[in-house]
């Protein structure tokens, strides 16, 4: 049985970006403008990120994550189920997250 190869990073980021943008109900051009891209090229730039033609710089990826209310690591997560867990954890209140960490006895990083 052949092992599943991870998606190339730029295609993975594009896939996650599109999922997050669609969830946020934002068209490509509006998202681009919201993160500071030129209005005339914003749709094309976001499209190129989503299709994997170009990969956004880390600073741009951070702006996209902030605007779409997802953690930056969501864009880089190779596993679809873990990506969904990341979104679910991100939506928790800090107190709920701490309770969950205690429940699984996962020590907090200092």
PDB file of N, CA and C in Angstrom:
ATOM      1  N   UNK A   1       0.845  -1.174   0.000  1.00  0.00           N
ATOM      2  CA  UNK A   1       0.000   0.000   0.000  1.00  0.00           C
ATOM      3  C   UNK A   1       0.891   1.238   0.000  1.00  0.00           C
ATOM      4  N   UNK A   2       0.758   2.112  -1.004  1.00  0.00           N
ATOM      5  CA  UNK A   2       1.608   3.304  -1.050  1.00  0.00           C
ATOM      6  C   UNK A   2       1.243   4.277   0.059  1.00  0.00           C
ATOM      7  N   UNK A   3       2.265   4.930   0.620  1.00  0.00           N
ATOM      8  CA  UNK A   3       1.994   5.911   1.673  1.00  0.00           C
ATOM      9  C   UNK A   3       1.565   7.224   1.035  1.00  0.00           C
ATOM     10  N   UNK A   4       0.712   7.928   1.737  1.00  0.00           N
ATOM     11  CA  UNK A   4       0.223   9.215   1.240  1.00  0.00           C
ATOM     12  C   UNK A   4       1.314  10.261   1.411  1.00  0.00           C
ATOM     13  N   UNK A   5       1.675  10.899   0.317  1.00  0.00           N
ATOM     14  CA  UNK A   5       2.678  11.949   0.347  1.00  0.00           C
ATOM     15  C   UNK A   5       2.031  13.248   0.816  1.00  0.00           C
ATOM     16  N   UNK A   6       2.701  13.995   1.683  1.00  0.00           N
ATOM     17  CA  UNK A   6       2.134  15.280   2.084  1.00  0.00           C
ATOM     18  C   UNK A   6       2.019  16.212   0.886  1.00  0.00           C
ATOM     19  N   UNK A   7       0.999  17.047   0.938  1.00  0.00           N
ATOM     20  CA  UNK A   7       0.807  18.036  -0.116  1.00  0.00           C
ATOM     21  C   UNK A   7       1.954  19.029  -0.088  1.00  0.00           C
ATOM     22  N   UNK A   8       2.383  19.521  -1.249  1.00  0.00           N
ATOM     23  CA  UNK A   8       3.394  20.581  -1.226  1.00  0.00           C
ATOM     24  C   UNK A   8       2.885  21.756  -0.392  1.00  0.00           C
ATOM     25  N   UNK A   9       3.779  22.411   0.315  1.00  0.00           N
ATOM     26  CA  UNK A   9       3.382  23.459   1.254  1.00  0.00           C
ATOM     27  C   UNK A   9       2.513  24.526   0.610  1.00  0.00           C
ATOM     28  N   UNK A  10       2.878  25.003  -0.590  1.00  0.00           N
ATOM     29  CA  UNK A  10       2.104  26.089  -1.178  1.00  0.00           C
ATOM     30  C   UNK A  10       0.692  25.635  -1.531  1.00  0.00           C
ATOM     31  N   UNK A  11       0.511  24.387  -1.968  1.00  0.00           N
ATOM     32  CA  UNK A  11      -0.838  23.893  -2.238  1.00  0.00           C
ATOM     33  C   UNK A  11      -1.613  23.729  -0.937  1.00  0.00           C
ATOM     34  N   UNK A  12      -0.939  23.300   0.112  1.00  0.00           N
ATOM     35  CA  UNK A  12      -1.572  23.137   1.412  1.00  0.00           C
ATOM     36  C   UNK A  12      -2.043  24.485   1.943  1.00  0.00           C
ATOM     37  N   UNK A  13      -1.185  25.476   1.882  1.00  0.00           N
ATOM     38  CA  UNK A  13      -1.560  26.811   2.352  1.00  0.00           C
ATOM     39  C   UNK A  13      -2.734  27.329   1.537  1.00  0.00           C
ATOM     40  N   UNK A  14      -2.682  27.130   0.244  1.00  0.00           N
ATOM     41  CA  UNK A  14      -3.772  27.574  -0.620  1.00  0.00           C
ATOM     42  C   UNK A  14      -5.089  26.912  -0.284  1.00  0.00           C
ATOM     43  N   UNK A  15      -5.030  25.620  -0.029  1.00  0.00           N
ATOM     44  CA  UNK A  15      -6.242  24.874   0.339  1.00  0.00           C
ATOM     45  C   UNK A  15      -6.828  25.413   1.638  1.00  0.00           C
ATOM     46  N   UNK A  16      -5.980  25.577   2.651  1.00  0.00           N
ATOM     47  CA  UNK A  16      -6.453  26.078   3.951  1.00  0.00           C
ATOM     48  C   UNK A  16      -6.940  27.533   3.832  1.00  0.00           C
ATOM     49  N   UNK A  17      -6.231  28.322   3.048  1.00  0.00           N
ATOM     50  CA  UNK A  17      -6.635  29.715   2.867  1.00  0.00           C
ATOM     51  C   UNK A  17      -8.023  29.779   2.241  1.00  0.00           C
ATOM     52  N   UNK A  18      -8.243  28.992   1.210  1.00  0.00           N
ATOM     53  CA  UNK A  18      -9.556  28.988   0.554  1.00  0.00           C
ATOM     54  C   UNK A  18     -10.643  28.538   1.533  1.00  0.00           C
ATOM     55  N   UNK A  19     -10.381  27.466   2.296  1.00  0.00           N
ATOM     56  CA  UNK A  19     -11.367  26.987   3.272  1.00  0.00           C
ATOM     57  C   UNK A  19     -11.723  28.084   4.273  1.00  0.00           C
ATOM     58  N   UNK A  20     -10.702  28.767   4.789  1.00  0.00           N
ATOM     59  CA  UNK A  20     -10.934  29.815   5.785  1.00  0.00           C
ATOM     60  C   UNK A  20     -11.661  31.009   5.172  1.00  0.00           C
ATOM     61  N   UNK A  21     -11.288  31.365   3.954  1.00  0.00           N
ATOM     62  CA  UNK A  21     -11.934  32.507   3.292  1.00  0.00           C
ATOM     63  C   UNK A  21     -13.400  32.221   3.009  1.00  0.00           C
ATOM     64  N   UNK A  22     -13.697  31.009   2.542  1.00  0.00           N
ATOM     65  CA  UNK A  22     -15.085  30.630   2.260  1.00  0.00           C
ATOM     66  C   UNK A  22     -15.890  30.608   3.558  1.00  0.00           C
ATOM     67  N   UNK A  23     -15.294  30.073   4.636  1.00  0.00           N
ATOM     68  CA  UNK A  23     -15.984  30.072   5.941  1.00  0.00           C
ATOM     69  C   UNK A  23     -16.292  31.491   6.401  1.00  0.00           C
ATOM     70  N   UNK A  24     -15.374  32.408   6.117  1.00  0.00           N
ATOM     71  CA  UNK A  24     -15.570  33.802   6.524  1.00  0.00           C
ATOM     72  C   UNK A  24     -16.488  34.542   5.562  1.00  0.00           C
ATOM     73  N   UNK A  25     -16.880  33.897   4.486  1.00  0.00           N
ATOM     74  CA  UNK A  25     -17.774  34.469   3.479  1.00  0.00           C
ATOM     75  C   UNK A  25     -17.204  35.768   2.904  1.00  0.00           C
ATOM     76  N   UNK A  26     -15.914  35.716   2.558  1.00  0.00           N
ATOM     77  CA  UNK A  26     -15.245  36.880   1.974  1.00  0.00           C
ATOM     78  C   UNK A  26     -14.811  36.559   0.552  1.00  0.00           C
ATOM     79  N   UNK A  27     -15.104  37.435  -0.394  1.00  0.00           N
ATOM     80  CA  UNK A  27     -14.557  37.242  -1.742  1.00  0.00           C
ATOM     81  C   UNK A  27     -13.053  37.534  -1.738  1.00  0.00           C
ATOM     82  N   UNK A  28     -12.357  36.988  -2.717  1.00  0.00           N
ATOM     83  CA  UNK A  28     -10.907  37.155  -2.789  1.00  0.00           C
ATOM     84  C   UNK A  28     -10.488  38.615  -2.804  1.00  0.00           C
ATOM     85  N   UNK A  29     -11.167  39.436  -3.600  1.00  0.00           N
ATOM     86  CA  UNK A  29     -10.758  40.833  -3.715  1.00  0.00           C
ATOM     87  C   UNK A  29     -10.903  41.583  -2.398  1.00  0.00           C
ATOM     88  N   UNK A  30     -11.982  41.327  -1.673  1.00  0.00           N
ATOM     89  CA  UNK A  30     -12.199  42.023  -0.399  1.00  0.00           C
ATOM     90  C   UNK A  30     -11.160  41.590   0.638  1.00  0.00           C
ATOM     91  N   UNK A  31     -10.873  40.278   0.689  1.00  0.00           N
ATOM     92  CA  UNK A  31      -9.858  39.797   1.630  1.00  0.00           C
ATOM     93  C   UNK A  31      -8.521  40.460   1.338  1.00  0.00           C
ATOM     94  N   UNK A  32      -8.153  40.524   0.063  1.00  0.00           N
ATOM     95  CA  UNK A  32      -6.893  41.160  -0.301  1.00  0.00           C
ATOM     96  C   UNK A  32      -6.817  42.598   0.151  1.00  0.00           C
ATOM     97  N   UNK A  33      -7.869  43.344  -0.076  1.00  0.00           N
ATOM     98  CA  UNK A  33      -7.899  44.749   0.330  1.00  0.00           C
ATOM     99  C   UNK A  33      -7.819  44.858   1.854  1.00  0.00           C
ATOM    100  N   UNK A  34      -8.512  43.980   2.562  1.00  0.00           N
ATOM    101  CA  UNK A  34      -8.509  44.024   4.027  1.00  0.00           C
ATOM    102  C   UNK A  34      -7.124  43.793   4.626  1.00  0.00           C
ATOM    103  N   UNK A  35      -6.269  43.053   3.908  1.00  0.00           N
ATOM    104  CA  UNK A  35      -4.911  42.831   4.432  1.00  0.00           C
ATOM    105  C   UNK A  35      -3.908  43.814   3.853  1.00  0.00           C
ATOM    106  N   UNK A  36      -4.406  44.774   3.061  1.00  0.00           N
ATOM    107  CA  UNK A  36      -3.535  45.834   2.587  1.00  0.00           C
ATOM    108  C   UNK A  36      -3.006  45.691   1.173  1.00  0.00           C
ATOM    109  N   UNK A  37      -3.553  44.748   0.405  1.00  0.00           N
ATOM    110  CA  UNK A  37      -3.123  44.625  -0.990  1.00  0.00           C
ATOM    111  C   UNK A  37      -3.807  45.693  -1.830  1.00  0.00           C
ATOM    112  N   UNK A  38      -3.177  46.045  -2.928  1.00  0.00           N
ATOM    113  CA  UNK A  38      -3.745  47.007  -3.863  1.00  0.00           C
ATOM    114  C   UNK A  38      -5.072  46.476  -4.401  1.00  0.00           C
ATOM    115  N   UNK A  39      -6.065  47.334  -4.448  1.00  0.00           N
ATOM    116  CA  UNK A  39      -7.411  46.932  -4.872  1.00  0.00           C
ATOM    117  C   UNK A  39      -7.419  46.326  -6.278  1.00  0.00           C
ATOM    118  N   UNK A  40      -6.579  46.839  -7.160  1.00  0.00           N
ATOM    119  CA  UNK A  40      -6.561  46.367  -8.534  1.00  0.00           C
ATOM    120  C   UNK A  40      -5.980  44.979  -8.712  1.00  0.00           C
ATOM    121  N   UNK A  41      -5.145  44.538  -7.773  1.00  0.00           N
ATOM    122  CA  UNK A  41      -4.510  43.229  -7.911  1.00  0.00           C
ATOM    123  C   UNK A  41      -4.861  42.259  -6.781  1.00  0.00           C
ATOM    124  N   UNK A  42      -5.685  42.692  -5.841  1.00  0.00           N
ATOM    125  CA  UNK A  42      -5.936  41.868  -4.652  1.00  0.00           C
ATOM    126  C   UNK A  42      -6.573  40.520  -4.986  1.00  0.00           C
ATOM    127  N   UNK A  43      -7.555  40.501  -5.873  1.00  0.00           N
ATOM    128  CA  UNK A  43      -8.219  39.244  -6.226  1.00  0.00           C
ATOM    129  C   UNK A  43      -7.235  38.279  -6.879  1.00  0.00           C
ATOM    130  N   UNK A  44      -6.425  38.782  -7.805  1.00  0.00           N
ATOM    131  CA  UNK A  44      -5.447  37.925  -8.484  1.00  0.00           C
ATOM    132  C   UNK A  44      -4.410  37.385  -7.504  1.00  0.00           C
ATOM    133  N   UNK A  45      -3.953  38.219  -6.574  1.00  0.00           N
ATOM    134  CA  UNK A  45      -2.948  37.765  -5.596  1.00  0.00           C
ATOM    135  C   UNK A  45      -3.508  36.665  -4.708  1.00  0.00           C
ATOM    136  N   UNK A  46      -4.720  36.860  -4.177  1.00  0.00           N
ATOM    137  CA  UNK A  46      -5.328  35.837  -3.324  1.00  0.00           C
ATOM    138  C   UNK A  46      -5.562  34.562  -4.134  1.00  0.00           C
ATOM    139  N   UNK A  47      -5.995  34.708  -5.368  1.00  0.00           N
ATOM    140  CA  UNK A  47      -6.206  33.552  -6.242  1.00  0.00           C
ATOM    141  C   UNK A  47      -4.903  32.774  -6.434  1.00  0.00           C
ATOM    142  N   UNK A  48      -3.809  33.478  -6.646  1.00  0.00           N
ATOM    143  CA  UNK A  48      -2.505  32.815  -6.822  1.00  0.00           C
ATOM    144  C   UNK A  48      -2.065  32.098  -5.552  1.00  0.00           C
ATOM    145  N   UNK A  49      -2.384  32.661  -4.400  1.00  0.00           N
ATOM    146  CA  UNK A  49      -2.076  31.971  -3.142  1.00  0.00           C
ATOM    147  C   UNK A  49      -2.922  30.697  -3.028  1.00  0.00           C
ATOM    148  N   UNK A  50      -4.200  30.813  -3.348  1.00  0.00           N
ATOM    149  CA  UNK A  50      -5.103  29.673  -3.197  1.00  0.00           C
ATOM    150  C   UNK A  50      -4.791  28.542  -4.174  1.00  0.00           C
ATOM    151  N   UNK A  51      -4.331  28.877  -5.363  1.00  0.00           N
ATOM    152  CA  UNK A  51      -4.031  27.840  -6.348  1.00  0.00           C
ATOM    153  C   UNK A  51      -2.617  27.293  -6.210  1.00  0.00           C
ATOM    154  N   UNK A  52      -1.812  27.908  -5.364  1.00  0.00           N
ATOM    155  CA  UNK A  52      -0.461  27.416  -5.142  1.00  0.00           C
ATOM    156  C   UNK A  52       0.552  27.953  -6.133  1.00  0.00           C
ATOM    157  N   UNK A  53       0.151  28.894  -6.971  1.00  0.00           N
ATOM    158  CA  UNK A  53       1.101  29.500  -7.914  1.00  0.00           C
ATOM    159  C   UNK A  53       2.168  30.266  -7.135  1.00  0.00           C
ATOM    160  N   UNK A  54       1.727  30.970  -6.097  1.00  0.00           N
ATOM    161  CA  UNK A  54       2.640  31.691  -5.206  1.00  0.00           C
ATOM    162  C   UNK A  54       2.299  31.333  -3.772  1.00  0.00           C
ATOM    163  N   UNK A  55       3.290  31.408  -2.908  1.00  0.00           N
ATOM    164  CA  UNK A  55       3.079  31.214  -1.474  1.00  0.00           C
ATOM    165  C   UNK A  55       3.228  32.564  -0.791  1.00  0.00           C
ATOM    166  N   UNK A  56       2.279  32.914   0.077  1.00  0.00           N
ATOM    167  CA  UNK A  56       2.408  34.212   0.748  1.00  0.00           C
ATOM    168  C   UNK A  56       3.607  34.233   1.685  1.00  0.00           C
ATOM    169  N   UNK A  57       4.234  35.380   1.767  1.00  0.00           N
ATOM    170  CA  UNK A  57       5.301  35.567   2.756  1.00  0.00           C
ATOM    171  C   UNK A  57       4.698  35.383   4.143  1.00  0.00           C
ATOM    172  N   UNK A  58       5.532  35.056   5.110  1.00  0.00           N
ATOM    173  CA  UNK A  58       5.035  34.810   6.464  1.00  0.00           C
ATOM    174  C   UNK A  58       4.246  36.001   7.009  1.00  0.00           C
ATOM    175  N   UNK A  59       4.721  37.200   6.788  1.00  0.00           N
ATOM    176  CA  UNK A  59       4.007  38.395   7.275  1.00  0.00           C
ATOM    177  C   UNK A  59       2.625  38.495   6.643  1.00  0.00           C
ATOM    178  N   UNK A  60       2.522  38.155   5.362  1.00  0.00           N
ATOM    179  CA  UNK A  60       1.229  38.172   4.672  1.00  0.00           C
ATOM    180  C   UNK A  60       0.337  37.060   5.204  1.00  0.00           C
ATOM    181  N   UNK A  61       0.902  35.876   5.425  1.00  0.00           N
ATOM    182  CA  UNK A  61       0.135  34.759   5.975  1.00  0.00           C
ATOM    183  C   UNK A  61      -0.405  35.116   7.360  1.00  0.00           C
ATOM    184  N   UNK A  62       0.389  35.838   8.147  1.00  0.00           N
ATOM    185  CA  UNK A  62      -0.066  36.267   9.474  1.00  0.00           C
ATOM    186  C   UNK A  62      -1.240  37.233   9.351  1.00  0.00           C
ATOM    187  N   UNK A  63      -1.173  38.158   8.405  1.00  0.00           N
ATOM    188  CA  UNK A  63      -2.283  39.098   8.191  1.00  0.00           C
ATOM    189  C   UNK A  63      -3.538  38.344   7.750  1.00  0.00           C
ATOM    190  N   UNK A  64      -3.355  37.366   6.853  1.00  0.00           N
ATOM    191  CA  UNK A  64      -4.492  36.567   6.386  1.00  0.00           C
ATOM    192  C   UNK A  64      -5.123  35.800   7.544  1.00  0.00           C
ATOM    193  N   UNK A  65      -4.289  35.183   8.365  1.00  0.00           N
ATOM    194  CA  UNK A  65      -4.791  34.422   9.510  1.00  0.00           C
ATOM    195  C   UNK A  65      -5.567  35.326  10.467  1.00  0.00           C
ATOM    196  N   UNK A  66      -5.009  36.493  10.737  1.00  0.00           N
ATOM    197  CA  UNK A  66      -5.675  37.438  11.631  1.00  0.00           C
ATOM    198  C   UNK A  66      -7.026  37.881  11.062  1.00  0.00           C
ATOM    199  N   UNK A  67      -7.043  38.216   9.780  1.00  0.00           N
ATOM    200  CA  UNK A  67      -8.269  38.694   9.155  1.00  0.00           C
ATOM    201  C   UNK A  67      -9.330  37.596   9.080  1.00  0.00           C
ATOM    202  N   UNK A  68      -8.890  36.351   8.927  1.00  0.00           N
ATOM    203  CA  UNK A  68      -9.825  35.224   8.813  1.00  0.00           C
ATOM    204  C   UNK A  68     -10.107  34.566  10.160  1.00  0.00           C
ATOM    205  N   UNK A  69      -9.497  35.107  11.215  1.00  0.00           N
ATOM    206  CA  UNK A  69      -9.685  34.599  12.579  1.00  0.00           C
ATOM    207  C   UNK A  69      -9.339  33.116  12.697  1.00  0.00           C
ATOM    208  N   UNK A  70      -8.186  32.755  12.162  1.00  0.00           N
ATOM    209  CA  UNK A  70      -7.657  31.402  12.314  1.00  0.00           C
ATOM    210  C   UNK A  70      -6.221  31.531  12.801  1.00  0.00           C
ATOM    211  N   UNK A  71      -5.728  30.536  13.534  1.00  0.00           N
ATOM    212  CA  UNK A  71      -4.317  30.610  13.925  1.00  0.00           C
ATOM    213  C   UNK A  71      -3.428  30.355  12.711  1.00  0.00           C
ATOM    214  N   UNK A  72      -2.287  30.975  12.689  1.00  0.00           N
ATOM    215  CA  UNK A  72      -1.360  30.832  11.569  1.00  0.00           C
ATOM    216  C   UNK A  72      -1.040  29.364  11.284  1.00  0.00           C
ATOM    217  N   UNK A  73      -0.887  28.567  12.325  1.00  0.00           N
ATOM    218  CA  UNK A  73      -0.520  27.159  12.137  1.00  0.00           C
ATOM    219  C   UNK A  73      -1.570  26.387  11.333  1.00  0.00           C
ATOM    220  N   UNK A  74      -2.803  26.859  11.305  1.00  0.00           N
ATOM    221  CA  UNK A  74      -3.867  26.209  10.525  1.00  0.00           C
ATOM    222  C   UNK A  74      -3.474  26.113   9.053  1.00  0.00           C
ATOM    223  N   UNK A  75      -2.859  27.164   8.518  1.00  0.00           N
ATOM    224  CA  UNK A  75      -2.471  27.177   7.104  1.00  0.00           C
ATOM    225  C   UNK A  75      -1.430  26.108   6.775  1.00  0.00           C
ATOM    226  N   UNK A  76      -0.647  25.696   7.762  1.00  0.00           N
ATOM    227  CA  UNK A  76       0.477  24.792   7.526  1.00  0.00           C
ATOM    228  C   UNK A  76       0.214  23.360   7.997  1.00  0.00           C
ATOM    229  N   UNK A  77      -0.968  23.082   8.501  1.00  0.00           N
ATOM    230  CA  UNK A  77      -1.287  21.760   9.036  1.00  0.00           C
ATOM    231  C   UNK A  77      -1.572  20.777   7.895  1.00  0.00           C
ATOM    232  N   UNK A  78      -0.815  19.693   7.846  1.00  0.00           N
ATOM    233  CA  UNK A  78      -0.945  18.717   6.757  1.00  0.00           C
ATOM    234  C   UNK A  78      -2.160  17.804   6.903  1.00  0.00           C
ATOM    235  N   UNK A  79      -2.620  17.572   8.113  1.00  0.00           N
ATOM    236  CA  UNK A  79      -3.711  16.631   8.363  1.00  0.00           C
ATOM    237  C   UNK A  79      -5.037  17.388   8.487  1.00  0.00           C
ATOM    238  N   UNK A  80      -6.031  17.003   7.677  1.00  0.00           N
ATOM    239  CA  UNK A  80      -7.321  17.703   7.676  1.00  0.00           C
ATOM    240  C   UNK A  80      -8.024  17.644   9.026  1.00  0.00           C
ATOM    241  N   UNK A  81      -7.996  16.487   9.680  1.00  0.00           N
ATOM    242  CA  UNK A  81      -8.679  16.366  10.973  1.00  0.00           C
ATOM    243  C   UNK A  81      -7.990  17.197  12.049  1.00  0.00           C
ATOM    244  N   UNK A  82      -6.683  17.213  12.042  1.00  0.00           N
ATOM    245  CA  UNK A  82      -5.963  18.041  13.017  1.00  0.00           C
ATOM    246  C   UNK A  82      -6.199  19.518  12.725  1.00  0.00           C
ATOM    247  N   UNK A  83      -6.283  19.874  11.451  1.00  0.00           N
ATOM    248  CA  UNK A  83      -6.592  21.265  11.093  1.00  0.00           C
ATOM    249  C   UNK A  83      -7.945  21.672  11.674  1.00  0.00           C
ATOM    250  N   UNK A  84      -8.928  20.785  11.592  1.00  0.00           N
ATOM    251  CA  UNK A  84     -10.245  21.085  12.171  1.00  0.00           C
ATOM    252  C   UNK A  84     -10.153  21.201  13.690  1.00  0.00           C
ATOM    253  N   UNK A  85      -9.347  20.354  14.314  1.00  0.00           N
ATOM    254  CA  UNK A  85      -9.144  20.453  15.765  1.00  0.00           C
ATOM    255  C   UNK A  85      -8.487  21.784  16.135  1.00  0.00           C
ATOM    256  N   UNK A  86      -7.547  22.217  15.328  1.00  0.00           N
ATOM    257  CA  UNK A  86      -6.887  23.508  15.573  1.00  0.00           C
ATOM    258  C   UNK A  86      -7.925  24.628  15.576  1.00  0.00           C
ATOM    259  N   UNK A  87      -8.848  24.586  14.618  1.00  0.00           N
ATOM    260  CA  UNK A  87      -9.897  25.611  14.579  1.00  0.00           C
ATOM    261  C   UNK A  87     -10.801  25.523  15.799  1.00  0.00           C
ATOM    262  N   UNK A  88     -11.132  24.305  16.200  1.00  0.00           N
ATOM    263  CA  UNK A  88     -11.993  24.124  17.374  1.00  0.00           C
ATOM    264  C   UNK A  88     -11.293  24.625  18.636  1.00  0.00           C
ATOM    265  N   UNK A  89     -10.018  24.321  18.783  1.00  0.00           N
ATOM    266  CA  UNK A  89      -9.266  24.783  19.945  1.00  0.00           C
ATOM    267  C   UNK A  89      -9.131  26.304  19.941  1.00  0.00           C
ATOM    268  N   UNK A  90      -8.944  26.860  18.772  1.00  0.00           N
ATOM    269  CA  UNK A  90      -8.809  28.315  18.639  1.00  0.00           C
ATOM    270  C   UNK A  90     -10.091  29.031  19.079  1.00  0.00           C
ATOM    271  N   UNK A  91     -11.218  28.377  18.901  1.00  0.00           N
ATOM    272  CA  UNK A  91     -12.509  28.992  19.237  1.00  0.00           C
ATOM    273  C   UNK A  91     -12.811  28.923  20.739  1.00  0.00           C
ATOM    274  N   UNK A  92     -12.060  28.118  21.479  1.00  0.00           N
ATOM    275  CA  UNK A  92     -12.318  27.977  22.914  1.00  0.00           C
ATOM    276  C   UNK A  92     -11.880  29.217  23.684  1.00  0.00           C
ATOM    277  N   UNK A  93     -12.584  29.481  24.770  1.00  0.00           N
ATOM    278  CA  UNK A  93     -12.147  30.509  25.706  1.00  0.00           C
ATOM    279  C   UNK A  93     -10.904  29.982  26.412  1.00  0.00           C
ATOM    280  N   UNK A  94     -10.056  30.892  26.895  1.00  0.00           N
ATOM    281  CA  UNK A  94      -8.824  30.487  27.588  1.00  0.00           C
ATOM    282  C   UNK A  94      -9.126  29.540  28.747  1.00  0.00           C
ATOM    283  N   UNK A  95     -10.179  29.820  29.503  1.00  0.00           N
ATOM    284  CA  UNK A  95     -10.502  28.962  30.641  1.00  0.00           C
ATOM    285  C   UNK A  95     -10.871  27.548  30.179  1.00  0.00           C
ATOM    286  N   UNK A  96     -11.598  27.453  29.069  1.00  0.00           N
ATOM    287  CA  UNK A  96     -11.964  26.138  28.533  1.00  0.00           C
ATOM    288  C   UNK A  96     -10.736  25.398  28.021  1.00  0.00           C
ATOM    289  N   UNK A  97      -9.832  26.134  27.406  1.00  0.00           N
ATOM    290  CA  UNK A  97      -8.610  25.532  26.898  1.00  0.00           C
ATOM    291  C   UNK A  97      -7.748  25.002  28.041  1.00  0.00           C
ATOM    292  N   UNK A  98      -7.619  25.782  29.116  1.00  0.00           N
ATOM    293  CA  UNK A  98      -6.842  25.344  30.282  1.00  0.00           C
ATOM    294  C   UNK A  98      -7.472  24.110  30.910  1.00  0.00           C
ATOM    295  N   UNK A  99      -8.800  24.092  30.979  1.00  0.00           N
ATOM    296  CA  UNK A  99      -9.503  22.921  31.530  1.00  0.00           C
ATOM    297  C   UNK A  99      -9.221  21.685  30.673  1.00  0.00           C
ATOM    298  N   UNK A 100      -9.258  21.848  29.377  1.00  0.00           N
ATOM    299  CA  UNK A 100      -8.976  20.739  28.462  1.00  0.00           C
ATOM    300  C   UNK A 100      -7.537  20.246  28.622  1.00  0.00           C
ATOM    301  N   UNK A 101      -6.610  21.169  28.737  1.00  0.00           N
ATOM    302  CA  UNK A 101      -5.214  20.787  28.940  1.00  0.00           C
ATOM    303  C   UNK A 101      -5.035  19.998  30.236  1.00  0.00           C
ATOM    304  N   UNK A 102      -5.703  20.437  31.299  1.00  0.00           N
ATOM    305  CA  UNK A 102      -5.639  19.705  32.573  1.00  0.00           C
ATOM    306  C   UNK A 102      -6.262  18.322  32.435  1.00  0.00           C
ATOM    307  N   UNK A 103      -7.355  18.228  31.701  1.00  0.00           N
ATOM    308  CA  UNK A 103      -8.042  16.963  31.517  1.00  0.00           C
ATOM    309  C   UNK A 103      -7.141  15.937  30.836  1.00  0.00           C
ATOM    310  N   UNK A 104      -6.346  16.383  29.914  1.00  0.00           N
ATOM    311  CA  UNK A 104      -5.442  15.466  29.199  1.00  0.00           C
ATOM    312  C   UNK A 104      -4.055  15.449  29.813  1.00  0.00           C
ATOM    313  N   UNK A 105      -3.895  16.179  30.905  1.00  0.00           N
ATOM    314  CA  UNK A 105      -2.619  16.270  31.612  1.00  0.00           C
ATOM    315  C   UNK A 105      -1.491  16.691  30.680  1.00  0.00           C
ATOM    316  N   UNK A 106      -1.800  17.639  29.822  1.00  0.00           N
ATOM    317  CA  UNK A 106      -0.806  18.183  28.910  1.00  0.00           C
ATOM    318  C   UNK A 106      -0.201  19.405  29.590  1.00  0.00           C
ATOM    319  N   UNK A 107       1.065  19.354  29.907  1.00  0.00           N
ATOM    320  CA  UNK A 107       1.666  20.509  30.593  1.00  0.00           C
ATOM    321  C   UNK A 107       1.730  21.729  29.684  1.00  0.00           C
ATOM    322  N   UNK A 108       1.445  22.889  30.265  1.00  0.00           N
ATOM    323  CA  UNK A 108       1.531  24.138  29.515  1.00  0.00           C
ATOM    324  C   UNK A 108       3.003  24.481  29.306  1.00  0.00           C
ATOM    325  N   UNK A 109       3.282  25.034  28.172  1.00  0.00           N
ATOM    326  CA  UNK A 109       4.642  25.511  27.901  1.00  0.00           C
ATOM    327  C   UNK A 109       4.888  26.757  28.723  1.00  0.00           C
ATOM    328  N   UNK A 110       6.095  26.906  29.210  1.00  0.00           N
ATOM    329  CA  UNK A 110       6.429  28.091  30.026  1.00  0.00           C
ATOM    330  C   UNK A 110       6.769  29.264  29.173  1.00  0.00           C
TER     331      UNK A 110
END
